[in-house]
Structure formats: structure tokens, C-alpha cells
Amino acid sequence: MKKIILSTIIGSALVPFLAFAQATTTATTTTATSTNTTSTTTVATSTINSVFTACWQAALTKRDTAISQARATYNTQMEVAQAARTEALKQAATLTDETAQKAAKKKAAEDYKTAARNAQKTLTSAREVARTAFDKEIRVCRDNKKASLEKRVETKKTEIEKKKEVKKEEQEDRKEKRENEKEERNEKREEIQKEVKTLRERIKELLSGNR
């Protein structure tokens, strides 16, 4: 009977110890899971470069198309000038007066030179306008690319700072959780120590009473 009573008391005493050990093991092996929900969309450098390339290509196409059109206009004007000179020389050839014929041929040549000079001036001006517009558009392309890259850098910095803040908060949360668990274990340990002390006193009383 004495052995049964002692076994029951000792078994009761072991229960808090086992529960405490299990709680300690669970708290020790629990790993904090990081749930970083920060999601910042940034424009990739490759995308920025692609946009710049497309912008540059569009400006180049516009410039060369304008120059081609100016060249076509020049060719048309030169054809007209040449045709006019040919017709003027033909008319001059019909004149019987040598002086009048020389004057007509001279005027045909001068008119042709004037037309050719005007056509060349128009072509040169059109080329200059096209190239100036191209340079301005390329500067805009470069400025946009620079602004996009700077914005991407700033966005990346902001993203990094947010991640740091989230990580810091998670560390503080884990630290607070560990402190709370430690405090709970200490309280549990004190409770167990009290229970053990009480059980020891009971065992001592039982042993004293059975003598």
C-alpha cells in the first residue's frame, strides 16, 4: 500500500516536469517564418534600354525619311531646270541673229544655274532642319532614359529601405516572442518548483505517518 501511494505521488510529480520539458523543446525548435509581403515593381534596365533604342530608331527613321523626301524634291527641281534649259537652248538655236542667239543661250545657262542653286539651297536647308530635329529628339530620348534610370535607382533604394524595415520589425517581433517565452518558462518553472516543494512535503508527511 505504501509503495502504491509513493508511486502515485511520484507519478503526479513527474507530470509537470514532462509538460515543462515538452513546452521548452517546442519553444526552442520553433522557427520564425518571415513573411515579407513587400512587393515593389521596378522597371528593368533592359526595358529602359529597349525604350531608348526604339526612341532613337524612330528619330533616325524620321530624319532619313525627311532627307530622302528633300532629295526627291531636289531631283524633281533639277529635272525641271534641265528641261527648261534644253527648251531654251532649242529656242535660241532658231534665232538667226548671232547676238540674240548668244544672249538667249547665256540667259538659258544663267536661269539653269539659278534654278540649280535654289534647288541645292532648298536641299541643304531641308537636311539641316532634319538633322537639327534629329539631335533634339535624341536629346529627349537620352533625357528620358536618364530620368528612368534615376527613378529606378530611387525606387530600388526605397525598396531596400522597406525590406530593412520589415526585417528589423521581424527581428524585434522574434526578440519579443523569445522574451515572452522565456518569461513564461520562468513562471512555469516557479510553479513546478512550488508543486515539487508541496509534493515533497506531502511525501515527507506520509513517510512520517507510516513509521
Protein backbone atom coordinates (compact mmCIF):
# COMPACT_ATOMS: atom_id res chain seq x y z
CA MET A 1 0.00 0.00 0.00
CA LYS A 2 2.86 2.31 0.86
CA LYS A 3 4.55 1.62 -2.50
CA ILE A 4 1.34 2.32 -4.40
CA ILE A 5 0.88 5.64 -2.66
CA LEU A 6 4.50 6.65 -3.29
CA SER A 7 4.30 5.63 -6.94
CA THR A 8 1.15 7.71 -7.39
CA ILE A 9 2.71 10.72 -5.77
CA ILE A 10 5.95 10.40 -7.77
CA GLY A 11 3.96 9.95 -10.99
CA SER A 12 2.00 13.07 -10.20
CA ALA A 13 5.24 14.89 -9.59
CA LEU A 14 6.65 13.83 -12.95
CA VAL A 15 3.71 15.19 -14.95
CA PRO A 16 4.63 18.89 -14.53
CA PHE A 17 8.28 18.08 -15.35
CA LEU A 18 7.30 16.30 -18.58
CA ALA A 19 4.92 19.09 -19.56
CA PHE A 20 7.61 21.71 -18.91
CA ALA A 21 10.22 19.77 -20.89
CA GLN A 22 7.85 19.42 -23.83
CA ALA A 23 6.96 23.13 -23.77
CA THR A 24 10.65 24.06 -23.61
CA THR A 25 11.53 21.81 -26.54
CA THR A 26 8.67 23.18 -28.61
CA ALA A 27 9.67 26.76 -27.90
CA THR A 28 13.30 26.01 -28.73
CA THR A 29 12.65 24.26 -32.02
CA THR A 30 10.04 26.73 -33.26
CA THR A 31 11.44 28.79 -36.13
CA ALA A 32 10.08 32.15 -37.08
CA THR A 33 8.85 32.33 -40.63
CA SER A 34 9.48 35.51 -42.45
CA THR A 35 6.55 36.77 -44.44
CA ASN A 36 7.93 39.58 -46.48
CA THR A 37 4.93 40.97 -48.32
CA THR A 38 6.81 43.97 -49.67
CA SER A 39 6.39 43.95 -53.43
CA THR A 40 7.77 46.89 -55.37
CA THR A 41 7.60 46.84 -59.14
CA THR A 42 10.65 48.36 -60.75
CA VAL A 43 11.35 48.91 -64.40
CA ALA A 44 14.21 46.70 -65.53
CA THR A 45 17.31 48.28 -67.06
CA SER A 46 16.81 46.17 -70.17
CA THR A 47 13.34 47.67 -70.62
CA ILE A 48 14.71 51.20 -70.25
CA ASN A 49 17.39 50.43 -72.85
CA SER A 50 14.77 48.97 -75.19
CA VAL A 51 12.64 52.11 -74.89
CA PHE A 52 15.68 54.28 -75.61
CA THR A 53 16.62 52.17 -78.64
CA ALA A 54 13.07 52.41 -80.02
CA CYS A 55 13.09 56.18 -79.46
CA TRP A 56 16.46 56.51 -81.23
CA GLN A 57 15.33 54.35 -84.14
CA ALA A 58 12.14 56.39 -84.57
CA ALA A 59 14.14 59.64 -84.64
CA LEU A 60 16.59 58.16 -87.14
CA THR A 61 13.78 56.98 -89.42
CA LYS A 62 12.13 60.40 -89.27
CA ARG A 63 15.41 62.18 -90.14
CA ASP A 64 16.33 59.90 -93.04
CA THR A 65 12.77 59.98 -94.41
CA ALA A 66 12.84 63.79 -94.41
CA ILE A 67 16.25 63.82 -96.13
CA SER A 68 15.05 61.31 -98.72
CA GLN A 69 11.99 63.44 -99.44
CA ALA A 70 14.20 66.54 -99.73
CA ARG A 71 16.48 64.67 -102.15
CA ALA A 72 13.46 63.62 -104.22
CA THR A 73 12.29 67.25 -104.35
CA TYR A 74 15.79 68.34 -105.37
CA ASN A 75 15.88 65.78 -108.18
CA THR A 76 12.49 66.94 -109.45
CA GLN A 77 13.60 70.59 -109.38
CA MET A 78 16.80 69.73 -111.24
CA GLU A 79 14.87 67.80 -113.88
CA VAL A 80 12.59 70.78 -114.38
CA ALA A 81 15.61 73.11 -114.60
CA GLN A 82 17.35 70.87 -117.10
CA ALA A 83 14.20 70.58 -119.21
CA ALA A 84 13.79 74.37 -119.14
CA ARG A 85 17.42 74.87 -120.21
CA THR A 86 17.06 72.33 -123.02
CA GLU A 87 13.95 74.07 -124.32
CA ALA A 88 15.60 77.50 -124.01
CA LEU A 89 18.66 76.33 -125.95
CA LYS A 90 16.42 74.88 -128.64
CA GLN A 91 14.65 78.20 -128.97
CA ALA A 92 17.98 80.02 -129.06
CA ALA A 93 19.12 77.79 -131.90
CA THR A 94 16.22 79.02 -134.04
CA LEU A 95 17.40 82.64 -133.82
CA THR A 96 19.21 83.87 -136.90
CA ASP A 97 20.79 86.85 -135.20
CA GLU A 98 24.07 85.75 -133.65
CA THR A 99 23.99 88.36 -130.92
CA ALA A 100 20.43 87.47 -129.96
CA GLN A 101 21.33 83.79 -130.05
CA LYS A 102 24.32 84.29 -127.72
CA ALA A 103 22.14 86.32 -125.35
CA ALA A 104 19.42 83.61 -125.33
CA LYS A 105 22.00 80.88 -124.66
CA LYS A 106 23.56 82.97 -121.87
CA LYS A 107 20.15 83.53 -120.28
CA ALA A 108 19.35 79.80 -120.51
CA ALA A 109 22.60 78.99 -118.71
CA GLU A 110 22.03 81.64 -116.06
CA ASP A 111 18.46 80.52 -115.47
CA TYR A 112 19.68 76.97 -115.09
CA LYS A 113 22.38 77.99 -112.61
CA THR A 114 19.85 79.98 -110.61
CA ALA A 115 17.40 77.08 -110.52
CA ALA A 116 20.18 74.63 -109.59
CA ARG A 117 21.42 76.97 -106.87
CA ASN A 118 17.91 77.37 -105.45
CA ALA A 119 17.33 73.61 -105.56
CA GLN A 120 20.64 72.99 -103.75
CA LYS A 121 19.80 75.66 -101.18
CA THR A 122 16.42 74.04 -100.54
CA LEU A 123 18.04 70.62 -100.19
CA THR A 124 20.72 71.93 -97.80
CA SER A 125 18.10 73.70 -95.68
CA ALA A 126 15.90 70.59 -95.52
CA ARG A 127 18.90 68.47 -94.47
CA GLU A 128 19.81 70.96 -91.75
CA VAL A 129 16.22 71.05 -90.43
CA ALA A 130 16.05 67.24 -90.41
CA ARG A 131 19.39 66.90 -88.60
CA THR A 132 18.53 69.59 -86.05
CA ALA A 133 15.20 67.91 -85.32
CA PHE A 134 17.01 64.57 -85.01
CA ASP A 135 19.51 65.99 -82.50
CA LYS A 136 16.68 67.46 -80.39
CA GLU A 137 14.74 64.19 -80.42
CA ILE A 138 17.86 62.21 -79.47
CA ARG A 139 18.43 64.56 -76.53
CA VAL A 140 14.86 63.91 -75.42
CA CYS A 141 15.47 60.15 -75.74
CA ARG A 142 18.61 60.43 -73.61
CA ASP A 143 16.92 62.67 -71.03
CA ASN A 144 14.03 60.23 -70.73
CA LYS A 145 16.44 57.32 -70.33
CA LYS A 146 18.42 59.19 -67.67
CA ALA A 147 15.22 60.10 -65.80
CA SER A 148 14.01 56.49 -65.96
CA LEU A 149 17.33 55.17 -64.65
CA GLU A 150 17.37 57.71 -61.82
CA LYS A 151 13.78 56.82 -60.94
CA ARG A 152 14.69 53.12 -60.96
CA VAL A 153 17.62 53.79 -58.59
CA GLU A 154 15.38 55.76 -56.23
CA THR A 155 12.70 53.07 -56.37
CA LYS A 156 15.33 50.41 -55.66
CA LYS A 157 16.62 52.39 -52.68
CA THR A 158 13.08 52.72 -51.34
CA GLU A 159 12.53 49.01 -51.82
CA ILE A 160 15.75 48.18 -49.96
CA GLU A 161 14.80 50.51 -47.11
CA LYS A 162 11.37 48.90 -46.84
CA LYS A 163 12.95 45.45 -46.74
CA LYS A 164 15.30 46.62 -44.00
CA GLU A 165 12.36 47.98 -42.01
CA VAL A 166 10.42 44.74 -42.43
CA LYS A 167 13.46 42.70 -41.41
CA LYS A 168 14.01 44.92 -38.38
CA GLU A 169 10.38 44.56 -37.36
CA GLU A 170 10.58 40.78 -37.75
CA GLN A 171 13.73 40.67 -35.61
CA GLU A 172 12.05 42.77 -32.94
CA ASP A 173 8.98 40.52 -33.07
CA ARG A 174 11.15 37.41 -32.70
CA LYS A 175 13.06 39.01 -29.85
CA GLU A 176 9.83 39.95 -28.08
CA LYS A 177 8.47 36.44 -28.66
CA ARG A 178 11.62 34.86 -27.19
CA GLU A 179 11.43 37.15 -24.17
CA ASN A 180 7.77 36.28 -23.65
CA GLU A 181 8.53 32.57 -23.98
CA LYS A 182 11.42 32.92 -21.57
CA GLU A 183 9.19 34.73 -19.09
CA GLU A 184 6.52 32.03 -19.47
CA ARG A 185 9.11 29.29 -18.90
CA ASN A 186 10.39 31.04 -15.81
CA GLU A 187 6.84 31.35 -14.46
CA LYS A 188 6.20 27.71 -15.29
CA ARG A 189 9.43 26.69 -13.61
CA GLU A 190 8.47 28.60 -10.47
CA GLU A 191 5.06 26.89 -10.47
CA ILE A 192 6.69 23.49 -10.85
CA GLN A 193 9.17 24.25 -8.11
CA LYS A 194 6.28 25.15 -5.81
CA GLU A 195 4.43 21.96 -6.77
CA VAL A 196 7.55 19.88 -6.20
CA LYS A 197 8.08 21.53 -2.86
CA THR A 198 4.46 20.78 -1.90
CA LEU A 199 4.80 17.14 -3.06
CA ARG A 200 7.99 16.70 -1.11
CA GLU A 201 6.28 17.97 1.99
CA ARG A 202 3.38 15.53 1.39
CA ILE A 203 5.78 12.65 0.83
CA LYS A 204 7.61 13.61 3.98
CA GLU A 205 4.34 13.73 5.90
CA LEU A 206 3.25 10.32 4.52
CA LEU A 207 6.57 8.76 5.35
CA SER A 208 6.47 10.19 8.82
CA GLY A 209 2.91 8.92 9.36
CA ASN A 210 3.74 5.34 8.26
CA ARG A 211 6.53 4.88 10.73
